[in-house]
Protein backbone atom coordinates (compact mmCIF):
# COMPACT_ATOMS: atom_id res chain seq x y z
CA MET A 1 113.00 81.79 102.44
CA SER A 2 113.35 83.17 105.93
CA MET A 3 110.27 83.84 108.01
CA ASP A 4 112.14 86.58 109.83
CA GLY A 5 113.25 88.44 106.74
CA PRO A 6 115.72 91.31 106.63
CA PRO A 7 115.83 94.03 109.31
CA PRO A 8 114.70 97.61 108.58
CA PRO A 9 117.29 99.32 106.37
CA ILE A 10 119.16 102.48 107.17
CA GLY A 11 118.49 105.33 104.77
CA THR A 12 116.04 108.02 103.70
CA PHE A 13 112.65 107.26 102.17
CA GLU A 14 110.01 109.02 100.07
CA ASN A 15 107.15 106.78 101.22
CA VAL A 16 106.60 103.57 103.15
CA SER A 17 103.85 100.94 103.39
CA SER A 18 103.20 98.29 106.05
CA GLY A 19 101.61 94.97 105.06
CA GLY A 20 100.57 91.91 107.04
CA THR A 21 103.99 90.99 108.46
CA HIS A 22 106.36 92.98 106.27
CA SER A 23 107.00 96.56 105.20
CA CYS A 24 108.45 98.22 102.11
CA GLY A 25 109.54 101.74 101.28
CA VAL A 26 110.70 103.76 98.28
CA THR A 27 114.07 105.37 98.94
CA THR A 28 115.03 108.85 97.77
CA THR A 29 116.88 107.20 94.87
CA GLY A 30 113.72 105.35 93.74
CA SER A 31 114.74 101.85 94.78
CA VAL A 32 112.46 99.74 96.99
CA GLU A 33 113.70 98.34 100.29
CA CYS A 34 111.64 95.75 102.21
CA TRP A 35 111.97 94.12 105.62
CA GLY A 36 110.06 91.64 107.78
CA ASN A 37 108.50 88.32 106.74
CA ASP A 38 109.80 87.16 103.36
CA GLU A 39 108.25 83.66 103.33
CA ASP A 40 106.49 84.29 99.99
CA GLY A 41 109.08 86.65 98.55
CA GLN A 42 107.00 89.70 99.46
CA ALA A 43 110.10 91.41 100.93
CA THR A 44 112.32 90.75 97.89
CA PRO A 45 111.58 93.61 95.46
CA PRO A 46 112.78 93.89 91.84
CA THR A 47 115.48 96.38 90.91
CA ASP A 48 113.19 98.80 88.99
CA THR A 49 112.90 102.47 89.94
CA PHE A 50 109.62 103.22 91.73
CA GLU A 51 107.36 106.17 92.54
CA SER A 52 105.33 104.38 95.24
CA VAL A 53 104.86 100.99 96.88
CA SER A 54 102.00 99.19 98.66
CA ALA A 55 102.52 96.15 100.89
CA GLY A 56 99.69 93.61 101.14
CA ALA A 57 99.38 90.54 103.35
CA PHE A 58 101.35 88.11 101.19
CA HIS A 59 102.57 90.28 98.30
CA THR A 60 103.72 93.77 97.39
CA CYS A 61 103.04 96.01 94.39
CA GLY A 62 104.63 99.25 93.28
CA VAL A 63 104.23 101.86 90.56
CA THR A 64 107.44 102.36 88.59
CA THR A 65 108.65 105.69 87.25
CA THR A 66 107.31 104.65 83.81
CA GLY A 67 103.81 104.05 85.25
CA SER A 68 103.82 100.28 85.04
CA VAL A 69 102.93 98.16 88.09
CA GLU A 70 105.33 95.52 89.36
CA CYS A 71 104.24 92.97 91.97
CA TRP A 72 106.20 90.36 93.91
CA GLY A 73 105.44 87.71 96.51
CA SER A 74 102.59 85.21 96.56
CA ASP A 75 100.42 84.86 93.47
CA LEU A 76 97.91 82.70 95.44
CA GLY A 77 96.99 80.91 92.22
CA GLU A 78 94.67 83.81 91.32
CA GLY A 79 97.06 86.30 89.72
CA LEU A 80 97.59 88.33 92.89
CA SER A 81 101.07 89.33 91.71
CA THR A 82 100.18 89.48 88.01
CA PRO A 83 99.00 93.05 87.30
CA PRO A 84 97.51 94.26 84.01
CA THR A 85 99.69 96.17 81.56
CA ASP A 86 97.91 99.54 81.93
CA THR A 87 99.76 102.69 82.96
CA PHE A 88 98.99 103.52 86.61
CA LYS A 89 99.25 106.51 88.89
CA SER A 90 98.68 104.57 92.14
CA VAL A 91 98.17 101.05 93.46
CA SER A 92 96.89 99.56 96.72
CA ALA A 93 97.60 95.96 97.74
CA GLY A 94 94.99 94.22 99.88
CA THR A 95 94.93 90.73 101.36
CA TRP A 96 93.56 88.70 98.47
CA HIS A 97 93.58 91.19 95.61
CA THR A 98 94.97 94.51 94.47
CA CYS A 99 93.42 97.58 92.86
CA GLY A 100 95.06 100.43 91.03
CA LEU A 101 94.10 103.72 89.40
CA THR A 102 95.19 104.09 85.79
CA THR A 103 96.37 107.38 84.35
CA ALA A 104 93.11 107.42 82.39
CA GLY A 105 91.17 107.45 85.69
CA ARG A 106 90.00 103.86 85.41
CA THR A 107 89.98 101.43 88.35
CA ARG A 108 91.62 98.06 87.66
CA CYS A 109 91.59 95.16 90.15
CA TRP A 110 93.25 91.74 90.04
CA GLY A 111 93.83 88.73 92.28
CA ASP A 112 91.23 86.52 93.97
CA MET A 113 88.16 88.27 92.62
CA GLU A 114 85.90 85.50 93.97
CA TRP A 115 86.80 86.66 97.49
CA ALA A 116 86.46 90.28 96.40
CA ASP A 117 83.07 89.48 94.90
CA PHE A 118 81.96 88.00 98.24
CA PHE A 119 82.38 91.38 99.92
CA TRP A 120 82.15 93.53 96.75
CA GLU A 121 85.48 94.98 97.84
CA GLY A 122 87.03 94.56 94.42
CA TYR A 123 84.24 96.41 92.67
CA PRO A 124 84.36 100.11 93.57
CA PRO A 125 81.43 102.39 92.77
CA THR A 126 81.35 104.20 89.47
CA GLY A 127 83.13 107.51 89.31
CA SER A 128 86.67 108.87 89.24
CA PHE A 129 89.08 108.49 92.14
CA GLU A 130 92.31 110.20 93.10
CA SER A 131 93.47 107.41 95.43
CA MET A 132 92.30 104.18 97.05
CA SER A 133 93.13 102.04 100.07
CA MET A 134 92.35 98.32 100.23
CA SER A 135 91.87 96.31 103.41
CA ASP A 136 90.83 92.72 104.12
CA ALA A 137 87.09 93.07 103.47
CA HIS A 138 86.50 96.73 102.61
CA ALA A 139 88.08 99.55 100.66
CA CYS A 140 87.84 103.33 100.52
CA GLY A 141 88.81 105.90 97.93
CA ILE A 142 89.00 109.66 97.55
CA THR A 143 86.96 110.91 94.62
CA THR A 144 88.06 113.72 92.31
CA SER A 145 85.71 116.01 94.27
CA GLY A 146 87.54 115.19 97.53
CA SER A 147 84.83 113.11 99.20
CA VAL A 148 85.44 109.58 100.48
CA GLU A 149 83.55 106.57 99.13
CA CYS A 150 83.79 103.17 100.81
CA TRP A 151 82.62 99.75 99.63
CA GLY A 152 82.78 96.13 100.75
CA GLU A 153 81.82 94.80 104.20
CA LEU A 154 80.72 98.08 105.77
CA ASP A 155 78.65 96.39 108.50
CA TRP A 156 82.00 95.98 110.25
CA ALA A 157 83.96 98.92 108.94
CA GLY A 158 81.26 101.59 108.80
CA GLY A 159 80.73 104.36 106.27
CA PRO A 160 82.71 107.59 105.89
CA PRO A 161 81.64 110.97 107.25
CA PRO A 162 80.80 113.82 104.87
CA GLY A 163 83.41 116.37 103.92
CA SER A 164 86.62 116.61 101.92
CA PHE A 165 89.73 114.51 102.49
CA GLU A 166 93.36 114.67 101.33
CA SER A 167 94.17 111.00 101.99
CA VAL A 168 92.57 107.84 103.38
CA SER A 169 93.81 104.55 104.82
CA ALA A 170 91.64 101.46 105.38
CA GLY A 171 92.51 99.16 108.28
CA GLY A 172 91.06 95.82 109.33
CA LEU A 173 87.70 97.03 110.67
CA HIS A 174 88.13 100.80 110.53
CA THR A 175 89.33 103.64 108.31
CA CYS A 176 91.04 106.97 108.90
CA GLY A 177 91.42 109.98 106.63
CA ILE A 178 93.17 113.35 106.71
CA GLN A 179 91.05 116.41 105.94
CA PRO A 180 92.39 119.56 104.19
CA THR A 181 92.60 121.22 107.63
CA GLY A 182 95.02 118.52 108.81
CA ASN A 183 92.46 116.94 111.13
CA VAL A 184 92.23 113.14 111.24
CA GLU A 185 88.75 111.59 111.07
CA CYS A 186 88.23 107.87 111.71
CA TRP A 187 85.18 105.62 111.48
CA GLY A 188 84.30 101.97 111.99
CA ASN A 189 85.13 99.60 114.84
CA ASP A 190 86.59 101.35 117.90
CA GLU A 191 86.94 98.46 120.37
CA GLN A 192 90.68 99.12 120.75
CA GLY A 193 90.42 102.89 120.35
CA GLN A 194 91.58 102.63 116.73
CA SER A 195 88.89 105.03 115.53
CA THR A 196 89.60 107.66 118.20
CA PRO A 197 92.64 109.64 117.04
CA PRO A 198 94.50 111.83 119.55
CA GLU A 199 93.63 115.49 119.78
CA LEU A 200 96.61 117.66 118.90
């Protein structure tokens, strides 16, 4: 398959996710369009109808309108693109593994769990979460009470500040979240200014 992959499509989207070297988005009709590197098939989605999509480094996963998770791209010999059969409300694709939140509030992870075990990234703390965001060596999630919990290699990525958040996104060595007021708070490595959001 081509390393270059298809160009960004023209159209309107409900949500979009950027992975290692590719991106995918759910269109307003529920189809998934991907562009960028397609070396492992990570930019060649199935024809199902989706609610959301999450692009990882070498694979992509999405939640369909029926609540199942579909993944495509590299399986890395560890089941990276082989999700469980639970019904999900969200999914987040990392580098070596993926985690999702079931409709029953349970966290399910799959992929290279040996790597996840090394950093404890694939084993979130106990409790109920509304959403999660996976990165290379750490992950963060918003609990049902609105606080942010992070786990994994936090010596690099740091821990979250107190307070309530609407959404959170984990990057390589830092994390940012949006508070109910609309303010963006970031924490972790700031060598490139990635944890210093602009003041609006």
